């Protein structure tokens, strides 16, 4: 699941690390992917109108499968602390709400390029 953040301010801003994500009605924050490249403490500058990307890797198995179209996201600071979360709905490429299924999931660092070929 691609996560996109856009700087809508007139001044540059920065992100670091990876977003704090909770899927569906879970109260558990997803862990950082062990397969992600190091460098999560590096500031990524986002120019006005610019975008940064992260992704949630969803894995499905035969047990404990969950389905939702909602998730919560919060930004982390350089110490790993998070700000307030906002609830979001996932959307497919056609703009309609999209359900996703998972048994296990993790999240990638912010990056200026899309992490997968979406």
PDB file of N, CA and C in Angstrom:
ATOM      1  N   UNK A   1       0.855  -1.157   0.000  1.00  0.00           N
ATOM      2  CA  UNK A   1       0.000   0.000   0.000  1.00  0.00           C
ATOM      3  C   UNK A   1       0.905   1.225   0.000  1.00  0.00           C
ATOM      4  N   UNK A   2       0.791   2.064  -1.006  1.00  0.00           N
ATOM      5  CA  UNK A   2       1.602   3.266  -1.129  1.00  0.00           C
ATOM      6  C   UNK A   2       1.064   4.361  -0.216  1.00  0.00           C
ATOM      7  N   UNK A   3       1.951   4.997   0.540  1.00  0.00           N
ATOM      8  CA  UNK A   3       1.613   6.146   1.384  1.00  0.00           C
ATOM      9  C   UNK A   3       2.301   7.360   0.766  1.00  0.00           C
ATOM     10  N   UNK A   4       1.540   8.393   0.448  1.00  0.00           N
ATOM     11  CA  UNK A   4       2.077   9.601  -0.163  1.00  0.00           C
ATOM     12  C   UNK A   4       1.774  10.801   0.725  1.00  0.00           C
ATOM     13  N   UNK A   5       2.783  11.619   1.016  1.00  0.00           N
ATOM     14  CA  UNK A   5       2.601  12.853   1.766  1.00  0.00           C
ATOM     15  C   UNK A   5       3.042  14.012   0.883  1.00  0.00           C
ATOM     16  N   UNK A   6       2.254  15.083   0.881  1.00  0.00           N
ATOM     17  CA  UNK A   6       2.553  16.258   0.052  1.00  0.00           C
ATOM     18  C   UNK A   6       2.709  17.485   0.940  1.00  0.00           C
ATOM     19  N   UNK A   7       3.744  18.296   0.676  1.00  0.00           N
ATOM     20  CA  UNK A   7       3.951  19.549   1.392  1.00  0.00           C
ATOM     21  C   UNK A   7       3.052  20.603   0.758  1.00  0.00           C
ATOM     22  N   UNK A   8       2.010  20.997   1.464  1.00  0.00           N
ATOM     23  CA  UNK A   8       1.081  22.001   0.937  1.00  0.00           C
ATOM     24  C   UNK A   8       1.405  23.404   1.440  1.00  0.00           C
ATOM     25  N   UNK A   9       2.499  23.551   2.182  1.00  0.00           N
ATOM     26  CA  UNK A   9       2.906  24.852   2.692  1.00  0.00           C
ATOM     27  C   UNK A   9       3.734  25.581   1.629  1.00  0.00           C
ATOM     28  N   UNK A  10       3.990  26.863   1.858  1.00  0.00           N
ATOM     29  CA  UNK A  10       4.813  27.649   0.939  1.00  0.00           C
ATOM     30  C   UNK A  10       6.301  27.537   1.269  1.00  0.00           C
ATOM     31  N   UNK A  11       6.625  26.865   2.386  1.00  0.00           N
ATOM     32  CA  UNK A  11       8.019  26.710   2.793  1.00  0.00           C
ATOM     33  C   UNK A  11       8.404  25.228   2.777  1.00  0.00           C
ATOM     34  N   UNK A  12       9.698  24.938   2.555  1.00  0.00           N
ATOM     35  CA  UNK A  12      10.135  23.540   2.637  1.00  0.00           C
ATOM     36  C   UNK A  12       9.911  22.987   4.042  1.00  0.00           C
ATOM     37  N   UNK A  13       9.720  21.702   4.121  1.00  0.00           N
ATOM     38  CA  UNK A  13       9.646  21.013   5.403  1.00  0.00           C
ATOM     39  C   UNK A  13      10.475  19.746   5.290  1.00  0.00           C
ATOM     40  N   UNK A  14      10.518  18.929   6.322  1.00  0.00           N
ATOM     41  CA  UNK A  14      11.272  17.692   6.243  1.00  0.00           C
ATOM     42  C   UNK A  14      10.543  16.593   7.001  1.00  0.00           C
ATOM     43  N   UNK A  15      10.843  15.373   6.595  1.00  0.00           N
ATOM     44  CA  UNK A  15      10.371  14.181   7.293  1.00  0.00           C
ATOM     45  C   UNK A  15      11.588  13.330   7.615  1.00  0.00           C
ATOM     46  N   UNK A  16      11.435  12.455   8.546  1.00  0.00           N
ATOM     47  CA  UNK A  16      12.503  11.530   8.900  1.00  0.00           C
ATOM     48  C   UNK A  16      11.883  10.211   9.318  1.00  0.00           C
ATOM     49  N   UNK A  17      12.656   9.169   9.245  1.00  0.00           N
ATOM     50  CA  UNK A  17      12.223   7.858   9.694  1.00  0.00           C
ATOM     51  C   UNK A  17      11.098   7.323   8.816  1.00  0.00           C
ATOM     52  N   UNK A  18      10.088   6.789   9.401  1.00  0.00           N
ATOM     53  CA  UNK A  18       8.955   6.210   8.681  1.00  0.00           C
ATOM     54  C   UNK A  18       7.676   6.600   9.405  1.00  0.00           C
ATOM     55  N   UNK A  19       6.555   6.605   8.707  1.00  0.00           N
ATOM     56  CA  UNK A  19       5.312   6.995   9.379  1.00  0.00           C
ATOM     57  C   UNK A  19       4.875   5.930  10.382  1.00  0.00           C
ATOM     58  N   UNK A  20       4.168   6.379  11.387  1.00  0.00           N
ATOM     59  CA  UNK A  20       3.573   5.489  12.375  1.00  0.00           C
ATOM     60  C   UNK A  20       2.199   5.094  11.833  1.00  0.00           C
ATOM     61  N   UNK A  21       2.011   3.810  11.539  1.00  0.00           N
ATOM     62  CA  UNK A  21       0.793   3.326  10.873  1.00  0.00           C
ATOM     63  C   UNK A  21       0.099   2.274  11.736  1.00  0.00           C
ATOM     64  N   UNK A  22      -1.215   2.394  11.849  1.00  0.00           N
ATOM     65  CA  UNK A  22      -2.064   1.362  12.442  1.00  0.00           C
ATOM     66  C   UNK A  22      -3.122   1.002  11.407  1.00  0.00           C
ATOM     67  N   UNK A  23      -3.323  -0.278  11.167  1.00  0.00           N
ATOM     68  CA  UNK A  23      -4.283  -0.737  10.159  1.00  0.00           C
ATOM     69  C   UNK A  23      -5.613  -1.099  10.792  1.00  0.00           C
ATOM     70  N   UNK A  24      -6.714  -0.728  10.101  1.00  0.00           N
ATOM     71  CA  UNK A  24      -8.047  -1.081  10.570  1.00  0.00           C
ATOM     72  C   UNK A  24      -8.290  -0.591  11.980  1.00  0.00           C
ATOM     73  N   UNK A  25      -8.881  -1.445  12.815  1.00  0.00           N
ATOM     74  CA  UNK A  25      -9.160  -1.055  14.199  1.00  0.00           C
ATOM     75  C   UNK A  25      -8.073  -1.512  15.168  1.00  0.00           C
ATOM     76  N   UNK A  26      -6.910  -1.852  14.643  1.00  0.00           N
ATOM     77  CA  UNK A  26      -5.791  -2.297  15.472  1.00  0.00           C
ATOM     78  C   UNK A  26      -5.273  -1.144  16.328  1.00  0.00           C
ATOM     79  N   UNK A  27      -4.745  -1.478  17.482  1.00  0.00           N
ATOM     80  CA  UNK A  27      -4.091  -0.483  18.330  1.00  0.00           C
ATOM     81  C   UNK A  27      -2.573  -0.668  18.302  1.00  0.00           C
ATOM     82  N   UNK A  28      -2.098  -1.564  17.434  1.00  0.00           N
ATOM     83  CA  UNK A  28      -0.668  -1.841  17.316  1.00  0.00           C
ATOM     84  C   UNK A  28      -0.059  -1.074  16.148  1.00  0.00           C
ATOM     85  N   UNK A  29       1.021  -0.350  16.437  1.00  0.00           N
ATOM     86  CA  UNK A  29       1.743   0.385  15.404  1.00  0.00           C
ATOM     87  C   UNK A  29       2.608  -0.610  14.640  1.00  0.00           C
ATOM     88  N   UNK A  30       2.595  -0.494  13.304  1.00  0.00           N
ATOM     89  CA  UNK A  30       3.388  -1.412  12.487  1.00  0.00           C
ATOM     90  C   UNK A  30       4.881  -1.202  12.709  1.00  0.00           C
ATOM     91  N   UNK A  31       5.647  -2.286  12.689  1.00  0.00           N
ATOM     92  CA  UNK A  31       7.101  -2.156  12.823  1.00  0.00           C
ATOM     93  C   UNK A  31       7.744  -1.717  11.511  1.00  0.00           C
ATOM     94  N   UNK A  32       8.948  -1.207  11.630  1.00  0.00           N
ATOM     95  CA  UNK A  32       9.745  -0.868  10.449  1.00  0.00           C
ATOM     96  C   UNK A  32      10.202  -2.169   9.792  1.00  0.00           C
ATOM     97  N   UNK A  33      10.215  -2.209   8.475  1.00  0.00           N
ATOM     98  CA  UNK A  33      10.622  -3.399   7.738  1.00  0.00           C
ATOM     99  C   UNK A  33      12.116  -3.670   7.926  1.00  0.00           C
ATOM    100  N   UNK A  34      12.439  -4.894   8.280  1.00  0.00           N
ATOM    101  CA  UNK A  34      13.836  -5.289   8.404  1.00  0.00           C
ATOM    102  C   UNK A  34      14.534  -5.365   7.063  1.00  0.00           C
ATOM    103  N   UNK A  35      13.763  -5.366   5.961  1.00  0.00           N
ATOM    104  CA  UNK A  35      14.343  -5.429   4.614  1.00  0.00           C
ATOM    105  C   UNK A  35      14.555  -4.044   4.013  1.00  0.00           C
ATOM    106  N   UNK A  36      14.152  -2.995   4.738  1.00  0.00           N
ATOM    107  CA  UNK A  36      14.291  -1.632   4.231  1.00  0.00           C
ATOM    108  C   UNK A  36      15.745  -1.187   4.318  1.00  0.00           C
ATOM    109  N   UNK A  37      16.119  -0.275   3.441  1.00  0.00           N
ATOM    110  CA  UNK A  37      17.468   0.290   3.459  1.00  0.00           C
ATOM    111  C   UNK A  37      17.669   1.097   4.734  1.00  0.00           C
ATOM    112  N   UNK A  38      18.883   1.109   5.277  1.00  0.00           N
ATOM    113  CA  UNK A  38      19.149   1.946   6.450  1.00  0.00           C
ATOM    114  C   UNK A  38      19.050   3.419   6.076  1.00  0.00           C
ATOM    115  N   UNK A  39      19.014   4.287   7.070  1.00  0.00           N
ATOM    116  CA  UNK A  39      18.989   5.722   6.807  1.00  0.00           C
ATOM    117  C   UNK A  39      17.739   6.397   7.292  1.00  0.00           C
ATOM    118  N   UNK A  40      16.993   5.752   8.139  1.00  0.00           N
ATOM    119  CA  UNK A  40      15.746   6.317   8.623  1.00  0.00           C
ATOM    120  C   UNK A  40      15.889   7.553   9.473  1.00  0.00           C
ATOM    121  N   UNK A  41      17.094   7.849   9.967  1.00  0.00           N
ATOM    122  CA  UNK A  41      17.293   9.048  10.774  1.00  0.00           C
ATOM    123  C   UNK A  41      17.683  10.251   9.931  1.00  0.00           C
ATOM    124  N   UNK A  42      17.863  10.067   8.627  1.00  0.00           N
ATOM    125  CA  UNK A  42      18.242  11.146   7.733  1.00  0.00           C
ATOM    126  C   UNK A  42      17.017  12.000   7.403  1.00  0.00           C
ATOM    127  N   UNK A  43      17.187  13.311   7.455  1.00  0.00           N
ATOM    128  CA  UNK A  43      16.094  14.213   7.078  1.00  0.00           C
ATOM    129  C   UNK A  43      15.907  14.182   5.570  1.00  0.00           C
ATOM    130  N   UNK A  44      14.667  14.086   5.153  1.00  0.00           N
ATOM    131  CA  UNK A  44      14.316  14.168   3.739  1.00  0.00           C
ATOM    132  C   UNK A  44      13.564  15.491   3.568  1.00  0.00           C
ATOM    133  N   UNK A  45      14.158  16.432   2.828  1.00  0.00           N
ATOM    134  CA  UNK A  45      13.534  17.740   2.616  1.00  0.00           C
ATOM    135  C   UNK A  45      12.447  17.632   1.558  1.00  0.00           C
ATOM    136  N   UNK A  46      11.306  18.238   1.862  1.00  0.00           N
ATOM    137  CA  UNK A  46      10.167  18.233   0.942  1.00  0.00           C
ATOM    138  C   UNK A  46       9.882  19.692   0.564  1.00  0.00           C
ATOM    139  N   UNK A  47      10.121  20.020  -0.697  1.00  0.00           N
ATOM    140  CA  UNK A  47       9.888  21.378  -1.185  1.00  0.00           C
ATOM    141  C   UNK A  47       8.385  21.654  -1.273  1.00  0.00           C
ATOM    142  N   UNK A  48       7.974  22.935  -1.311  1.00  0.00           N
ATOM    143  CA  UNK A  48       6.552  23.246  -1.466  1.00  0.00           C
ATOM    144  C   UNK A  48       5.969  22.527  -2.685  1.00  0.00           C
ATOM    145  N   UNK A  49       4.877  21.843  -2.491  1.00  0.00           N
ATOM    146  CA  UNK A  49       4.248  21.069  -3.562  1.00  0.00           C
ATOM    147  C   UNK A  49       4.883  19.711  -3.789  1.00  0.00           C
ATOM    148  N   UNK A  50       6.015  19.445  -3.127  1.00  0.00           N
ATOM    149  CA  UNK A  50       6.722  18.177  -3.297  1.00  0.00           C
ATOM    150  C   UNK A  50       6.062  17.039  -2.533  1.00  0.00           C
ATOM    151  N   UNK A  51       6.413  15.821  -2.918  1.00  0.00           N
ATOM    152  CA  UNK A  51       5.849  14.629  -2.295  1.00  0.00           C
ATOM    153  C   UNK A  51       6.956  13.712  -1.789  1.00  0.00           C
ATOM    154  N   UNK A  52       6.636  12.955  -0.757  1.00  0.00           N
ATOM    155  CA  UNK A  52       7.477  11.871  -0.280  1.00  0.00           C
ATOM    156  C   UNK A  52       6.607  10.624  -0.171  1.00  0.00           C
ATOM    157  N   UNK A  53       7.277   9.483  -0.202  1.00  0.00           N
ATOM    158  CA  UNK A  53       6.555   8.216  -0.257  1.00  0.00           C
ATOM    159  C   UNK A  53       7.074   7.245   0.797  1.00  0.00           C
ATOM    160  N   UNK A  54       6.164   6.442   1.279  1.00  0.00           N
ATOM    161  CA  UNK A  54       6.479   5.294   2.109  1.00  0.00           C
ATOM    162  C   UNK A  54       5.566   4.186   1.601  1.00  0.00           C
ATOM    163  N   UNK A  55       5.690   3.013   2.143  1.00  0.00           N
ATOM    164  CA  UNK A  55       4.790   1.926   1.747  1.00  0.00           C
ATOM    165  C   UNK A  55       4.569   1.005   2.930  1.00  0.00           C
ATOM    166  N   UNK A  56       3.385   0.435   2.953  1.00  0.00           N
ATOM    167  CA  UNK A  56       3.069  -0.612   3.913  1.00  0.00           C
ATOM    168  C   UNK A  56       3.105  -1.921   3.139  1.00  0.00           C
ATOM    169  N   UNK A  57       3.991  -2.810   3.559  1.00  0.00           N
ATOM    170  CA  UNK A  57       4.062  -4.138   2.938  1.00  0.00           C
ATOM    171  C   UNK A  57       3.060  -5.032   3.663  1.00  0.00           C
ATOM    172  N   UNK A  58       2.084  -5.536   2.918  1.00  0.00           N
ATOM    173  CA  UNK A  58       1.030  -6.386   3.472  1.00  0.00           C
ATOM    174  C   UNK A  58       1.309  -7.833   3.110  1.00  0.00           C
ATOM    175  N   UNK A  59       1.235  -8.714   4.091  1.00  0.00           N
ATOM    176  CA  UNK A  59       1.459 -10.133   3.876  1.00  0.00           C
ATOM    177  C   UNK A  59       0.200 -10.881   4.307  1.00  0.00           C
ATOM    178  N   UNK A  60      -0.246 -11.822   3.498  1.00  0.00           N
ATOM    179  CA  UNK A  60      -1.446 -12.603   3.817  1.00  0.00           C
ATOM    180  C   UNK A  60      -1.094 -14.067   3.986  1.00  0.00           C
ATOM    181  N   UNK A  61      -1.656 -14.637   5.019  1.00  0.00           N
ATOM    182  CA  UNK A  61      -1.504 -16.066   5.277  1.00  0.00           C
ATOM    183  C   UNK A  61      -2.885 -16.684   5.412  1.00  0.00           C
ATOM    184  N   UNK A  62      -2.941 -17.863   5.956  1.00  0.00           N
ATOM    185  CA  UNK A  62      -4.218 -18.567   6.075  1.00  0.00           C
ATOM    186  C   UNK A  62      -4.910 -18.359   7.409  1.00  0.00           C
ATOM    187  N   UNK A  63      -4.218 -17.779   8.377  1.00  0.00           N
ATOM    188  CA  UNK A  63      -4.816 -17.582   9.698  1.00  0.00           C
ATOM    189  C   UNK A  63      -4.722 -16.123  10.108  1.00  0.00           C
ATOM    190  N   UNK A  64      -5.630 -15.716  10.971  1.00  0.00           N
ATOM    191  CA  UNK A  64      -5.654 -14.346  11.515  1.00  0.00           C
ATOM    192  C   UNK A  64      -5.627 -13.275  10.428  1.00  0.00           C
ATOM    193  N   UNK A  65      -6.406 -13.461   9.377  1.00  0.00           N
ATOM    194  CA  UNK A  65      -6.460 -12.494   8.290  1.00  0.00           C
ATOM    195  C   UNK A  65      -7.424 -11.359   8.655  1.00  0.00           C
ATOM    196  N   UNK A  66      -7.007 -10.139   8.372  1.00  0.00           N
ATOM    197  CA  UNK A  66      -7.805  -8.944   8.637  1.00  0.00           C
ATOM    198  C   UNK A  66      -8.083  -8.247   7.307  1.00  0.00           C
ATOM    199  N   UNK A  67      -9.220  -7.552   7.221  1.00  0.00           N
ATOM    200  CA  UNK A  67      -9.553  -6.763   6.039  1.00  0.00           C
ATOM    201  C   UNK A  67     -10.094  -5.412   6.493  1.00  0.00           C
ATOM    202  N   UNK A  68      -9.671  -4.359   5.824  1.00  0.00           N
ATOM    203  CA  UNK A  68     -10.133  -3.010   6.152  1.00  0.00           C
ATOM    204  C   UNK A  68      -9.900  -2.096   4.955  1.00  0.00           C
ATOM    205  N   UNK A  69     -10.480  -0.919   4.998  1.00  0.00           N
ATOM    206  CA  UNK A  69     -10.130   0.136   4.041  1.00  0.00           C
ATOM    207  C   UNK A  69      -9.622   1.361   4.796  1.00  0.00           C
ATOM    208  N   UNK A  70      -9.544   1.246   6.132  1.00  0.00           N
ATOM    209  CA  UNK A  70      -9.121   2.363   6.974  1.00  0.00           C
ATOM    210  C   UNK A  70      -7.775   2.086   7.630  1.00  0.00           C
ATOM    211  N   UNK A  71      -7.025   3.155   7.841  1.00  0.00           N
ATOM    212  CA  UNK A  71      -5.778   3.088   8.588  1.00  0.00           C
ATOM    213  C   UNK A  71      -5.545   4.436   9.247  1.00  0.00           C
ATOM    214  N   UNK A  72      -4.683   4.465  10.246  1.00  0.00           N
ATOM    215  CA  UNK A  72      -4.304   5.707  10.917  1.00  0.00           C
ATOM    216  C   UNK A  72      -2.832   5.951  10.657  1.00  0.00           C
ATOM    217  N   UNK A  73      -2.482   7.241  10.512  1.00  0.00           N
ATOM    218  CA  UNK A  73      -1.093   7.604  10.238  1.00  0.00           C
ATOM    219  C   UNK A  73      -0.707   8.783  11.128  1.00  0.00           C
ATOM    220  N   UNK A  74       0.532   8.739  11.623  1.00  0.00           N
ATOM    221  CA  UNK A  74       1.111   9.849  12.378  1.00  0.00           C
ATOM    222  C   UNK A  74       2.555  10.005  11.922  1.00  0.00           C
ATOM    223  N   UNK A  75       3.057  11.205  11.990  1.00  0.00           N
ATOM    224  CA  UNK A  75       4.438  11.484  11.619  1.00  0.00           C
ATOM    225  C   UNK A  75       5.336  11.300  12.838  1.00  0.00           C
ATOM    226  N   UNK A  76       6.573  10.846  12.603  1.00  0.00           N
ATOM    227  CA  UNK A  76       7.557  10.677  13.660  1.00  0.00           C
ATOM    228  C   UNK A  76       8.584  11.806  13.589  1.00  0.00           C
ATOM    229  N   UNK A  77       9.111  12.182  14.759  1.00  0.00           N
ATOM    230  CA  UNK A  77      10.233  13.133  14.735  1.00  0.00           C
ATOM    231  C   UNK A  77      11.538  12.350  14.815  1.00  0.00           C
ATOM    232  N   UNK A  78      12.658  13.057  14.903  1.00  0.00           N
ATOM    233  CA  UNK A  78      13.954  12.375  14.866  1.00  0.00           C
ATOM    234  C   UNK A  78      14.206  11.478  16.070  1.00  0.00           C
ATOM    235  N   UNK A  79      13.451  11.667  17.139  1.00  0.00           N
ATOM    236  CA  UNK A  79      13.620  10.811  18.310  1.00  0.00           C
ATOM    237  C   UNK A  79      12.738   9.574  18.226  1.00  0.00           C
ATOM    238  N   UNK A  80      11.860   9.511  17.219  1.00  0.00           N
ATOM    239  CA  UNK A  80      10.936   8.390  17.081  1.00  0.00           C
ATOM    240  C   UNK A  80       9.572   8.660  17.679  1.00  0.00           C
ATOM    241  N   UNK A  81       9.417   9.812  18.369  1.00  0.00           N
ATOM    242  CA  UNK A  81       8.116  10.170  18.936  1.00  0.00           C
ATOM    243  C   UNK A  81       7.159  10.558  17.825  1.00  0.00           C
ATOM    244  N   UNK A  82       5.872  10.303  18.036  1.00  0.00           N
ATOM    245  CA  UNK A  82       4.877  10.614  17.010  1.00  0.00           C
ATOM    246  C   UNK A  82       3.971  11.750  17.445  1.00  0.00           C
ATOM    247  N   UNK A  83       3.445  12.440  16.446  1.00  0.00           N
ATOM    248  CA  UNK A  83       2.435  13.449  16.680  1.00  0.00           C
ATOM    249  C   UNK A  83       1.069  12.783  16.683  1.00  0.00           C
ATOM    250  N   UNK A  84       0.012  13.580  16.658  1.00  0.00           N
ATOM    251  CA  UNK A  84      -1.333  12.992  16.646  1.00  0.00           C
ATOM    252  C   UNK A  84      -1.601  12.246  15.337  1.00  0.00           C
ATOM    253  N   UNK A  85      -2.338  11.160  15.441  1.00  0.00           N
ATOM    254  CA  UNK A  85      -2.673  10.354  14.260  1.00  0.00           C
ATOM    255  C   UNK A  85      -3.951  10.874  13.614  1.00  0.00           C
ATOM    256  N   UNK A  86      -4.056  10.665  12.313  1.00  0.00           N
ATOM    257  CA  UNK A  86      -5.293  10.961  11.601  1.00  0.00           C
ATOM    258  C   UNK A  86      -5.754   9.696  10.900  1.00  0.00           C
ATOM    259  N   UNK A  87      -7.064   9.482  10.912  1.00  0.00           N
ATOM    260  CA  UNK A  87      -7.605   8.302  10.245  1.00  0.00           C
ATOM    261  C   UNK A  87      -7.782   8.596   8.764  1.00  0.00           C
ATOM    262  N   UNK A  88      -7.409   7.640   7.948  1.00  0.00           N
ATOM    263  CA  UNK A  88      -7.475   7.778   6.499  1.00  0.00           C
ATOM    264  C   UNK A  88      -8.215   6.579   5.903  1.00  0.00           C
ATOM    265  N   UNK A  89      -8.683   6.741   4.683  1.00  0.00           N
ATOM    266  CA  UNK A  89      -9.275   5.645   3.924  1.00  0.00           C
ATOM    267  C   UNK A  89      -8.365   5.372   2.743  1.00  0.00           C
ATOM    268  N   UNK A  90      -8.138   4.093   2.431  1.00  0.00           N
ATOM    269  CA  UNK A  90      -7.305   3.758   1.270  1.00  0.00           C
ATOM    270  C   UNK A  90      -8.150   3.846   0.009  1.00  0.00           C
ATOM    271  N   UNK A  91      -7.506   4.268  -1.071  1.00  0.00           N
ATOM    272  CA  UNK A  91      -8.187   4.419  -2.356  1.00  0.00           C
ATOM    273  C   UNK A  91      -7.412   3.671  -3.433  1.00  0.00           C
ATOM    274  N   UNK A  92      -8.138   3.062  -4.340  1.00  0.00           N
ATOM    275  CA  UNK A  92      -7.535   2.396  -5.491  1.00  0.00           C
ATOM    276  C   UNK A  92      -7.136   3.412  -6.536  1.00  0.00           C
ATOM    277  N   UNK A  93      -6.511   2.964  -7.606  1.00  0.00           N
ATOM    278  CA  UNK A  93      -6.043   3.860  -8.667  1.00  0.00           C
ATOM    279  C   UNK A  93      -7.197   4.557  -9.381  1.00  0.00           C
ATOM    280  N   UNK A  94      -8.413   4.015  -9.261  1.00  0.00           N
ATOM    281  CA  UNK A  94      -9.575   4.652  -9.891  1.00  0.00           C
ATOM    282  C   UNK A  94     -10.249   5.666  -8.971  1.00  0.00           C
ATOM    283  N   UNK A  95      -9.697   5.865  -7.754  1.00  0.00           N
ATOM    284  CA  UNK A  95     -10.232   6.876  -6.842  1.00  0.00           C
ATOM    285  C   UNK A  95     -11.329   6.390  -5.921  1.00  0.00           C
ATOM    286  N   UNK A  96     -11.694   5.125  -5.992  1.00  0.00           N
ATOM    287  CA  UNK A  96     -12.729   4.606  -5.104  1.00  0.00           C
ATOM    288  C   UNK A  96     -12.088   3.936  -3.885  1.00  0.00           C
ATOM    289  N   UNK A  97     -12.791   3.947  -2.732  1.00  0.00           N
ATOM    290  CA  UNK A  97     -12.245   3.286  -1.550  1.00  0.00           C
ATOM    291  C   UNK A  97     -11.861   1.843  -1.872  1.00  0.00           C
ATOM    292  N   UNK A  98     -10.748   1.417  -1.304  1.00  0.00           N
ATOM    293  CA  UNK A  98     -10.196   0.102  -1.620  1.00  0.00           C
ATOM    294  C   UNK A  98      -9.896  -0.653  -0.333  1.00  0.00           C
ATOM    295  N   UNK A  99     -10.395  -1.873  -0.235  1.00  0.00           N
ATOM    296  CA  UNK A  99     -10.101  -2.705   0.928  1.00  0.00           C
ATOM    297  C   UNK A  99      -8.765  -3.403   0.724  1.00  0.00           C
ATOM    298  N   UNK A 100      -8.073  -3.638   1.831  1.00  0.00           N
ATOM    299  CA  UNK A 100      -6.815  -4.366   1.804  1.00  0.00           C
ATOM    300  C   UNK A 100      -6.881  -5.466   2.864  1.00  0.00           C
ATOM    301  N   UNK A 101      -6.134  -6.528   2.629  1.00  0.00           N
ATOM    302  CA  UNK A 101      -6.133  -7.695   3.509  1.00  0.00           C
ATOM    303  C   UNK A 101      -4.713  -7.974   3.964  1.00  0.00           C
ATOM    304  N   UNK A 102      -4.567  -8.389   5.236  1.00  0.00           N
ATOM    305  CA  UNK A 102      -3.244  -8.687   5.752  1.00  0.00           C
ATOM    306  C   UNK A 102      -3.317  -9.679   6.912  1.00  0.00           C
ATOM    307  N   UNK A 103      -2.266 -10.403   7.064  1.00  0.00           N
ATOM    308  CA  UNK A 103      -2.031 -11.228   8.238  1.00  0.00           C
ATOM    309  C   UNK A 103      -0.908 -10.585   9.045  1.00  0.00           C
ATOM    310  N   UNK A 104       0.065 -10.045   8.327  1.00  0.00           N
ATOM    311  CA  UNK A 104       1.207  -9.369   8.925  1.00  0.00           C
ATOM    312  C   UNK A 104       1.548  -8.183   8.028  1.00  0.00           C
ATOM    313  N   UNK A 105       2.163  -7.155   8.590  1.00  0.00           N
ATOM    314  CA  UNK A 105       2.508  -5.976   7.799  1.00  0.00           C
ATOM    315  C   UNK A 105       3.667  -5.238   8.450  1.00  0.00           C
ATOM    316  N   UNK A 106       4.395  -4.455   7.638  1.00  0.00           N
ATOM    317  CA  UNK A 106       5.428  -3.571   8.154  1.00  0.00           C
ATOM    318  C   UNK A 106       5.511  -2.357   7.236  1.00  0.00           C
ATOM    319  N   UNK A 107       6.320  -1.379   7.610  1.00  0.00           N
ATOM    320  CA  UNK A 107       6.342  -0.101   6.896  1.00  0.00           C
ATOM    321  C   UNK A 107       7.774   0.284   6.536  1.00  0.00           C
ATOM    322  N   UNK A 108       7.911   1.052   5.442  1.00  0.00           N
ATOM    323  CA  UNK A 108       9.217   1.495   4.938  1.00  0.00           C
ATOM    324  C   UNK A 108       9.480   2.961   5.291  1.00  0.00           C
ATOM    325  N   UNK A 109      10.769   3.345   5.261  1.00  0.00           N
ATOM    326  CA  UNK A 109      11.159   4.737   5.478  1.00  0.00           C
ATOM    327  C   UNK A 109      10.568   5.651   4.409  1.00  0.00           C
ATOM    328  N   UNK A 110      10.462   6.949   4.749  1.00  0.00           N
ATOM    329  CA  UNK A 110      10.092   7.958   3.766  1.00  0.00           C
ATOM    330  C   UNK A 110      11.188   8.057   2.718  1.00  0.00           C
ATOM    331  N   UNK A 111      10.794   8.366   1.474  1.00  0.00           N
ATOM    332  CA  UNK A 111      11.745   8.477   0.375  1.00  0.00           C
ATOM    333  C   UNK A 111      11.167   9.439  -0.660  1.00  0.00           C
ATOM    334  N   UNK A 112      12.024  10.050  -1.465  1.00  0.00           N
ATOM    335  CA  UNK A 112      11.543  10.953  -2.522  1.00  0.00           C
ATOM    336  C   UNK A 112      11.080  10.183  -3.758  1.00  0.00           C
ATOM    337  N   UNK A 113      11.377   8.903  -3.838  1.00  0.00           N
ATOM    338  CA  UNK A 113      10.937   8.065  -4.960  1.00  0.00           C
ATOM    339  C   UNK A 113       9.978   6.999  -4.437  1.00  0.00           C
ATOM    340  N   UNK A 114       9.058   6.585  -5.278  1.00  0.00           N
ATOM    341  CA  UNK A 114       8.141   5.526  -4.882  1.00  0.00           C
ATOM    342  C   UNK A 114       8.938   4.256  -4.622  1.00  0.00           C
ATOM    343  N   UNK A 115       8.654   3.565  -3.506  1.00  0.00           N
ATOM    344  CA  UNK A 115       9.471   2.412  -3.158  1.00  0.00           C
ATOM    345  C   UNK A 115       9.232   1.184  -4.028  1.00  0.00           C
ATOM    346  N   UNK A 116       8.104   1.105  -4.669  1.00  0.00           N
ATOM    347  CA  UNK A 116       7.794  -0.013  -5.557  1.00  0.00           C
ATOM    348  C   UNK A 116       7.259   0.562  -6.858  1.00  0.00           C
ATOM    349  N   UNK A 117       7.101  -0.258  -7.859  1.00  0.00           N
ATOM    350  CA  UNK A 117       6.579   0.186  -9.139  1.00  0.00           C
ATOM    351  C   UNK A 117       5.054   0.195  -9.092  1.00  0.00           C
ATOM    352  N   UNK A 118       4.491   1.218  -8.443  1.00  0.00           N
ATOM    353  CA  UNK A 118       3.037   1.342  -8.321  1.00  0.00           C
ATOM    354  C   UNK A 118       2.445   1.855  -9.608  1.00  0.00           C
TER     355      UNK A 118
END
